[in-house]
Protein backbone atom coordinates (compact mmCIF):
# COMPACT_ATOMS: atom_id res chain seq x y z
CA MET A 1 42.62 166.11 56.18
CA ASN A 2 44.51 168.76 58.11
CA SER A 3 44.92 172.55 57.91
CA LYS A 4 47.93 172.86 60.21
CA VAL A 5 51.23 174.48 59.22
CA VAL A 6 54.83 173.35 59.53
CA THR A 7 57.98 175.34 58.74
CA ILE A 8 60.21 173.47 56.29
CA ASN A 9 63.46 175.09 55.18
CA ASP A 10 62.25 178.49 56.47
CA ARG A 11 58.99 178.27 54.52
CA ALA A 12 55.54 177.84 56.06
CA VAL A 13 53.92 174.78 54.51
CA PRO A 14 50.26 173.73 55.02
CA LEU A 15 49.86 170.21 56.34
CA ASP A 16 46.92 169.26 54.15
CA VAL A 17 47.79 165.57 54.26
CA GLU A 18 46.29 162.39 55.62
CA PRO A 19 47.22 161.70 59.27
CA ARG A 20 48.89 158.43 58.27
CA ARG A 21 51.40 160.12 55.92
CA ASN A 22 54.93 160.16 57.27
CA LEU A 23 57.27 163.13 57.06
CA ALA A 24 59.68 161.46 54.61
CA ASP A 25 56.97 160.87 52.01
CA PHE A 26 55.59 164.36 52.58
CA VAL A 27 58.88 166.18 51.92
CA ARG A 28 59.84 163.92 49.02
CA GLU A 29 56.57 163.50 47.15
CA ASP A 30 54.58 166.60 48.06
CA LEU A 31 57.40 169.14 48.33
CA LEU A 32 59.82 167.42 45.89
CA LEU A 33 62.69 167.70 48.39
CA THR A 34 64.19 164.45 47.19
CA GLY A 35 67.52 164.89 48.96
CA THR A 36 65.87 163.10 51.88
CA HIS A 37 66.28 159.44 50.98
CA VAL A 38 64.06 156.58 52.12
CA GLY A 39 65.76 153.27 52.87
CA CYS A 40 64.61 150.82 55.51
CA GLU A 41 61.44 152.73 56.56
CA GLN A 42 61.97 151.34 60.07
CA GLY A 43 64.25 154.01 61.54
CA ILE A 44 67.39 151.89 61.25
CA CYS A 45 69.43 153.11 58.28
CA GLY A 46 69.33 156.89 58.88
CA ALA A 47 69.05 157.76 55.17
CA CYS A 48 65.90 159.80 55.84
CA THR A 49 67.47 161.92 58.62
CA VAL A 50 66.28 165.52 58.79
CA VAL A 51 66.57 168.16 61.51
CA ARG A 52 63.51 168.91 63.59
CA ASP A 53 63.74 171.83 65.99
CA GLY A 54 67.52 171.60 66.06
CA ARG A 55 68.02 167.84 66.42
CA PRO A 56 68.34 165.00 63.91
CA VAL A 57 65.28 162.75 63.60
CA ARG A 58 64.13 159.89 61.35
CA SER A 59 61.56 161.35 59.00
CA CYS A 60 60.26 157.89 58.09
CA LEU A 61 59.10 157.43 61.70
CA ALA A 62 57.55 160.89 62.15
CA TRP A 63 53.97 161.63 61.16
CA ALA A 64 53.81 164.75 59.00
CA VAL A 65 50.81 166.14 60.90
CA GLY A 66 52.66 165.48 64.16
CA CYS A 67 55.24 168.08 63.10
CA GLU A 68 52.71 170.92 63.21
CA GLY A 69 54.45 174.00 64.60
CA SER A 70 57.92 172.49 64.22
CA ASN A 71 60.89 173.84 62.28
CA ILE A 72 62.09 171.18 59.82
CA ARG A 73 65.31 171.42 57.82
CA THR A 74 66.17 168.97 55.07
CA ILE A 75 69.52 168.58 53.37
CA GLU A 76 68.48 171.18 50.76
CA ALA A 77 68.52 173.87 53.47
CA TYR A 78 72.26 173.55 54.05
CA ASP A 79 73.66 174.81 50.74
CA ASP A 80 75.17 177.91 52.38
CA ASP A 81 75.73 176.51 55.87
CA SER A 82 79.38 177.07 56.84
CA VAL A 83 79.76 173.74 58.64
CA MET A 84 78.13 171.83 55.81
CA ILE A 85 80.37 173.52 53.25
CA ARG A 86 83.44 172.30 55.15
CA LEU A 87 81.91 168.83 55.51
CA ARG A 88 81.18 168.55 51.78
CA GLU A 89 84.75 169.52 50.98
CA ALA A 90 86.12 167.07 53.54
CA PHE A 91 83.84 164.24 52.34
CA SER A 92 85.17 164.78 48.82
CA ALA A 93 88.81 165.04 49.90
CA GLU A 94 88.63 161.93 52.11
CA HIS A 95 86.60 159.85 49.62
CA ALA A 96 83.83 159.55 52.20
CA LEU A 97 81.09 158.65 49.73
CA GLN A 98 80.58 156.14 46.95
CA CYS A 99 77.00 155.48 45.84
CA GLY A 100 75.81 158.55 47.78
CA PHE A 101 72.53 157.08 49.00
CA CYS A 102 73.39 157.48 52.67
CA THR A 103 75.21 160.78 52.19
CA PRO A 104 72.38 163.31 52.89
CA GLY A 105 71.52 161.70 56.22
CA MET A 106 75.21 161.13 56.97
CA LEU A 107 76.00 164.82 56.36
CA ILE A 108 73.16 165.96 58.62
CA THR A 109 74.42 163.68 61.40
CA ALA A 110 78.00 164.83 60.79
CA GLN A 111 76.92 168.46 61.06
CA ASP A 112 75.23 167.66 64.36
CA ILE A 113 78.47 166.04 65.59
CA VAL A 114 80.56 169.06 64.61
CA ARG A 115 78.14 171.47 66.27
CA ARG A 116 78.23 169.56 69.55
CA PHE A 117 81.93 168.67 69.69
CA ALA A 118 83.58 171.69 68.06
CA GLY A 119 86.53 172.81 70.15
CA GLN A 120 86.87 169.39 71.78
CA THR A 121 89.16 166.48 71.04
CA ILE A 122 87.30 163.22 70.42
CA ASP A 123 88.70 159.98 69.08
CA ASP A 124 87.59 157.90 66.08
CA GLU A 125 85.73 155.48 68.33
CA ARG A 126 83.54 158.29 69.64
CA ILE A 127 82.76 159.48 66.11
CA ARG A 128 81.82 155.93 65.08
CA TYR A 129 79.54 155.75 68.10
CA GLU A 130 77.87 159.01 67.06
CA LEU A 131 77.48 157.67 63.50
CA SER A 132 76.04 154.34 64.64
CA GLY A 133 72.52 155.36 63.64
CA ASN A 134 73.53 155.95 60.01
CA LEU A 135 74.35 152.95 57.84
CA CYS A 136 76.72 153.07 54.88
CA ARG A 137 77.08 149.92 52.79
CA CYS A 138 79.95 151.17 50.61
CA THR A 139 82.71 153.04 52.38
CA GLY A 140 83.46 151.15 55.57
CA TYR A 141 83.16 154.52 57.36
CA VAL A 142 86.93 155.15 57.34
CA GLY A 143 86.71 158.13 55.00
CA ILE A 144 83.62 159.46 56.78
CA VAL A 145 85.39 159.40 60.15
CA ARG A 146 88.46 161.10 58.67
CA ALA A 147 86.28 163.77 57.07
CA ILE A 148 84.59 164.61 60.35
CA GLN A 149 87.92 164.66 62.17
CA ARG A 150 89.26 167.03 59.51
CA VAL A 151 86.38 169.47 60.04
CA LEU A 152 86.60 169.21 63.83
CA ALA A 153 90.32 169.99 63.64
CA GLY A 154 89.44 173.24 61.88
CA TYR A 155 87.25 174.26 64.81
CA GLN A 156 89.77 173.78 67.61
CA ASP A 157 90.01 177.52 68.21
CA GLU A 158 86.56 178.61 67.09
CA LYS A 159 82.92 177.64 67.25
CA PRO A 160 80.86 176.82 64.14
CA GLU A 161 79.23 179.87 62.59
CA VAL A 162 75.70 178.50 62.82
CA ALA A 163 72.68 179.71 64.72
CA PRO A 164 71.27 176.68 66.56
CA VAL A 165 67.51 176.28 66.25
CA ALA A 166 67.35 174.61 69.67
CA ALA A 167 69.93 173.92 72.33
CA LEU A 168 71.49 170.54 71.69
CA GLU A 169 73.12 170.07 75.06
CA THR A 170 69.85 170.29 76.99
CA LEU A 171 66.59 169.73 75.15
CA ASP A 172 63.60 170.88 77.20
CA LEU A 173 60.54 168.93 76.11
CA GLY A 174 58.17 171.35 77.74
CA ASP A 175 55.16 170.27 75.71
CA LEU A 176 55.11 167.05 77.70
CA ASP A 177 54.06 168.93 80.84
CA ALA A 178 50.40 168.67 79.91
CA ILE A 179 50.44 164.98 79.02
CA PRO A 180 48.32 162.90 81.41
CA VAL A 181 49.57 159.53 82.54
CA GLU A 182 48.37 156.37 80.84
CA GLU A 183 44.87 155.06 81.41
CA GLY A 184 44.48 153.24 84.71
CA ALA A 185 46.97 155.40 86.57
CA SER A 186 46.29 158.19 89.02
CA ALA A 187 45.70 161.60 87.48
CA ALA A 188 47.87 163.15 90.19
CA GLY A 189 51.13 162.68 88.33
CA ARG A 190 51.83 164.90 85.35
CA ALA A 191 55.41 164.67 84.25
CA ALA A 192 57.85 167.42 83.36
CA THR A 193 60.50 165.76 81.20
CA ARG A 194 63.99 166.91 80.27
CA SER A 195 66.33 165.25 77.80
CA GLN A 196 70.08 165.81 78.02
CA VAL A 197 72.82 164.74 75.64
CA ASP A 198 76.36 164.70 76.99
CA GLY A 199 79.70 163.16 76.19
CA ASN A 200 78.82 159.86 77.85
CA GLY A 201 75.47 159.13 76.26
CA ARG A 202 71.90 160.23 76.91
CA ARG A 203 70.05 161.10 80.08
CA ILE A 204 66.34 161.73 80.31
CA GLU A 205 64.78 162.97 83.52
CA SER A 206 61.14 163.23 84.56
CA THR A 207 59.49 164.71 87.64
CA PHE A 208 55.95 163.82 88.68
CA GLU A 209 53.71 163.71 91.72
CA LEU A 210 52.35 160.65 93.52
CA PRO A 211 49.31 160.69 95.85
CA HIS A 212 51.15 158.78 98.58
CA PRO A 213 53.16 159.82 101.66
CA PRO A 214 56.89 160.03 100.86
CA ALA A 215 57.86 157.66 103.69
CA SER A 216 55.56 154.96 102.30
CA VAL A 217 56.89 155.42 98.78
CA TRP A 218 60.50 155.26 99.99
CA THR A 219 59.82 152.03 101.89
CA VAL A 220 58.51 150.43 98.69
CA LEU A 221 61.45 151.70 96.62
CA ARG A 222 63.99 150.38 99.11
CA ASP A 223 62.37 147.11 100.23
CA GLU A 224 60.51 146.00 97.11
CA LEU A 225 63.11 146.73 94.43
CA PRO A 226 62.26 143.71 92.19
CA SER A 227 58.66 144.91 91.98
CA VAL A 228 59.81 148.50 91.36
CA VAL A 229 62.13 147.42 88.52
CA ALA A 230 59.24 145.42 87.01
CA CYS A 231 57.36 148.72 86.65
CA LEU A 232 59.83 149.64 83.88
CA PRO A 233 58.63 147.94 80.67
CA GLY A 234 60.97 145.14 79.63
CA ALA A 235 62.98 145.06 82.88
CA GLU A 236 63.33 142.02 85.13
CA LEU A 237 65.32 141.76 88.37
CA THR A 238 66.22 138.12 89.03
CA ARG A 239 68.71 138.48 91.89
CA LEU A 240 69.30 141.04 94.62
CA ASP A 241 71.97 140.37 97.26
CA ASP A 242 72.29 141.97 100.66
CA ASP A 243 75.29 144.03 99.51
CA GLY A 244 73.25 145.64 96.72
CA THR A 245 74.62 143.61 93.80
CA LEU A 246 71.94 142.45 91.40
CA ALA A 247 71.30 140.61 88.15
CA GLY A 248 68.49 140.71 85.64
CA PHE A 249 67.32 141.13 82.06
CA PHE A 250 66.04 143.86 79.79
CA ASN A 251 63.82 142.81 76.89
CA VAL A 252 63.45 145.04 73.85
CA LYS A 253 62.19 144.66 70.29
CA LEU A 254 62.73 147.62 67.98
CA GLY A 255 61.95 146.99 64.33
CA PRO A 256 63.83 143.85 63.27
CA VAL A 257 66.13 143.94 66.31
CA ALA A 258 65.03 141.81 69.26
CA ALA A 259 67.32 141.54 72.27
CA ARG A 260 67.26 140.06 75.75
CA ILE A 261 70.11 141.81 77.50
CA ALA A 262 71.47 139.91 80.48
CA GLY A 263 73.24 142.17 82.92
CA GLU A 264 74.60 142.74 86.40
CA GLY A 265 74.80 145.84 88.51
CA THR A 266 74.47 147.49 91.89
CA ALA A 267 71.77 149.29 93.84
CA THR A 268 72.39 152.02 96.41
CA PHE A 269 69.98 153.83 98.74
CA ASP A 270 70.34 156.88 100.95
CA ASP A 271 67.66 156.89 103.64
CA ASP A 272 68.56 160.40 104.78
CA THR A 273 68.00 162.09 101.40
CA TRP A 274 65.47 159.63 99.93
CA GLN A 275 67.71 159.01 96.94
CA GLY A 276 68.44 155.72 95.19
CA ARG A 277 70.25 154.51 92.13
CA VAL A 278 70.51 151.29 90.11
CA ASP A 279 73.52 150.93 87.78
CA GLY A 280 74.06 148.02 85.41
CA GLN A 281 75.52 146.79 82.16
CA GLY A 282 75.02 143.74 80.00
CA SER A 283 74.92 142.23 76.53
CA ASP A 284 72.85 140.09 74.19
CA SER A 285 74.87 137.62 72.10
CA ARG A 286 72.06 136.98 69.63
CA SER A 287 71.86 140.58 68.38
CA ASN A 288 75.46 141.44 69.34
CA SER A 289 74.11 144.37 71.36
CA ARG A 290 75.59 145.84 74.52
CA ALA A 291 74.15 148.38 76.88
CA LYS A 292 74.93 150.08 80.14
CA GLY A 293 72.86 152.54 82.04
CA SER A 294 71.39 153.73 85.30
CA LEU A 295 67.99 154.40 86.83
CA SER A 296 68.03 156.97 89.63
CA PHE A 297 65.17 158.26 91.73
CA GLN A 298 64.67 160.91 94.39
CA LEU A 299 61.70 161.77 96.58
CA GLU A 300 60.61 165.11 97.97
CA ALA A 301 57.66 165.74 100.25
CA ALA A 302 54.80 167.64 98.63
CA GLY A 303 52.41 167.55 101.58
CA GLU A 304 51.43 165.01 104.20
CA ALA A 305 49.87 162.59 101.72
CA GLN A 306 51.77 163.48 98.55
CA CYS A 307 55.31 163.39 97.28
CA GLN A 308 57.25 164.34 94.19
CA MET A 309 59.42 161.75 92.48
CA THR A 310 62.21 162.53 90.04
CA VAL A 311 63.24 159.60 87.86
CA ALA A 312 66.24 159.75 85.51
CA ILE A 313 67.38 157.16 82.98
CA SER A 314 70.81 157.40 81.38
CA PHE A 315 72.28 154.88 78.97
CA GLU A 316 74.70 153.97 76.22
CA MET A 317 74.12 151.34 73.54
CA SER A 318 76.33 149.62 70.99
CA GLY A 319 75.85 146.89 68.42
CA ALA A 320 72.53 146.45 66.64
CA LEU A 321 70.60 148.49 69.22
CA ALA A 322 72.84 151.50 68.58
CA GLN A 323 70.77 152.13 65.44
CA PHE A 324 68.13 153.52 67.78
CA SER A 325 70.47 155.69 69.87
CA ARG A 326 70.38 158.80 67.69
CA GLY A 327 67.86 161.49 66.98
CA GLY A 328 64.38 162.10 68.36
CA LEU A 329 63.47 158.41 68.47
CA VAL A 330 65.51 157.79 71.59
CA GLU A 331 63.83 160.65 73.46
CA GLU A 332 60.44 159.19 72.54
CA ILE A 333 61.46 155.69 73.63
CA VAL A 334 62.80 156.73 77.02
CA SER A 335 60.01 159.26 77.61
CA VAL A 336 57.49 156.47 77.03
CA LEU A 337 59.48 154.21 79.37
CA ILE A 338 59.42 156.82 82.13
CA GLU A 339 55.73 157.54 81.57
CA GLN A 340 54.93 153.84 81.80
CA PHE A 341 57.16 153.47 84.88
CA GLN A 342 55.19 156.25 86.54
CA ALA A 343 51.85 154.65 85.68
CA ASN A 344 52.94 151.17 86.74
CA PHE A 345 54.51 152.37 89.98
CA ASP A 346 51.33 154.20 90.88
CA ARG A 347 49.38 151.01 90.21
CA HIS A 348 51.84 149.01 92.32
CA MET A 349 51.34 151.40 95.23
CA ALA A 350 47.60 150.84 94.87
CA GLY A 351 48.08 147.05 94.85
CA GLU A 352 47.22 146.64 91.15
CA ALA A 353 49.07 144.78 88.39
CA PRO A 354 51.34 146.71 85.96
CA LEU A 355 49.89 147.83 82.62
CA GLU A 356 52.90 147.05 80.48
CA THR A 357 54.03 143.92 78.68
CA ARG A 358 57.51 142.43 79.25
CA SER A 359 59.13 144.18 76.28
CA LEU A 360 58.75 147.43 74.40
CA GLY A 361 58.10 147.01 70.68
CA LEU A 362 58.41 149.49 67.85
CA PHE A 363 54.75 149.33 66.84
CA GLN A 364 53.69 149.62 70.46
CA LEU A 365 55.95 152.68 70.74
CA ALA A 366 54.47 154.23 67.58
CA TRP A 367 50.94 153.73 68.92
CA MET A 368 51.89 155.32 72.25
CA ALA A 369 53.52 158.25 70.46
CA LEU A 370 50.39 158.75 68.33
CA ARG A 371 48.19 158.71 71.40
CA ARG A 372 50.46 161.23 73.11
CA TRP A 373 50.30 163.52 70.07
CA LEU A 374 46.50 163.25 69.89
CA ARG A 375 46.23 164.16 73.58
CA ARG A 376 48.43 167.21 73.00
CA LEU A 377 46.33 168.18 69.99
CA LEU A 378 42.98 167.78 71.73
């Protein structure tokens, strides 16, 4: 059992629960905050969406004890919220709900959209992209999109009157600074990770140290790109031409969605600044998923035998995989990817085989996240 405390709807709540209890069951069954609905229990449907430290997350995928020290807000906390009042009125006027099961999570996501895009003009396609992590089986989304557009139109000349709990444009995950790399990797690299959300998708950046001379690292990055790409779990580079064009695959299995995305792209290198970038896009016909993204890296000398590497991953997803493109889950996924890239690259420099398997699975991700939380705790 646990004696930690979490803040839920501005009230300090003891976390005297079993470590295996998820946040959705905790708020529903222990606190009787039943506005948070439980649907798929795999992070796909978005019915259980709550706000953790200013950003929407799936409460069915979050351990309750892992939220110690966090500020959690469920749908019950938004009775007097000015944005949510407008959204409720617009949802009613635009017939944006039928059975209502998805509505609490949909409203929380809609409020997040309004907060981030207020004062901007975005089209219906962008709103549907933002809503892609929340499933509605009744409405067809037409009324929901109209309702959000109606509220956004009311904020063209003003900003929402809400006090953000955490900055949504740049989320600084500072607690990751103390996380050691995975077992088998050098202890020299401890990553400082930043997550950014912008109008084109998501970008997560990590900086860490490597116990190798920068010139040696750059030579490997430039001349052994297939092996470098293989350090990223699930990634395969099958072709690299002299002009920098490339082809490959990315394997992923998240919950019931398994995809092998076949893609093409380009690679560029700047020997003068020690900067490189790989851009690509592709699709998987089996899951009807599409993705495009980039992996960039930059080296800086940190001594004669050490260097600092900054790795950034940015991406957009659509189709079935878009269910995982919202909320805190995506930060966890990409943070784990970067952490594993760091560990595997360090092993590659030492002439050892990578640690990771060829694809990243949901249960593997959950286990990694639990280990990360335990390391932070201990």
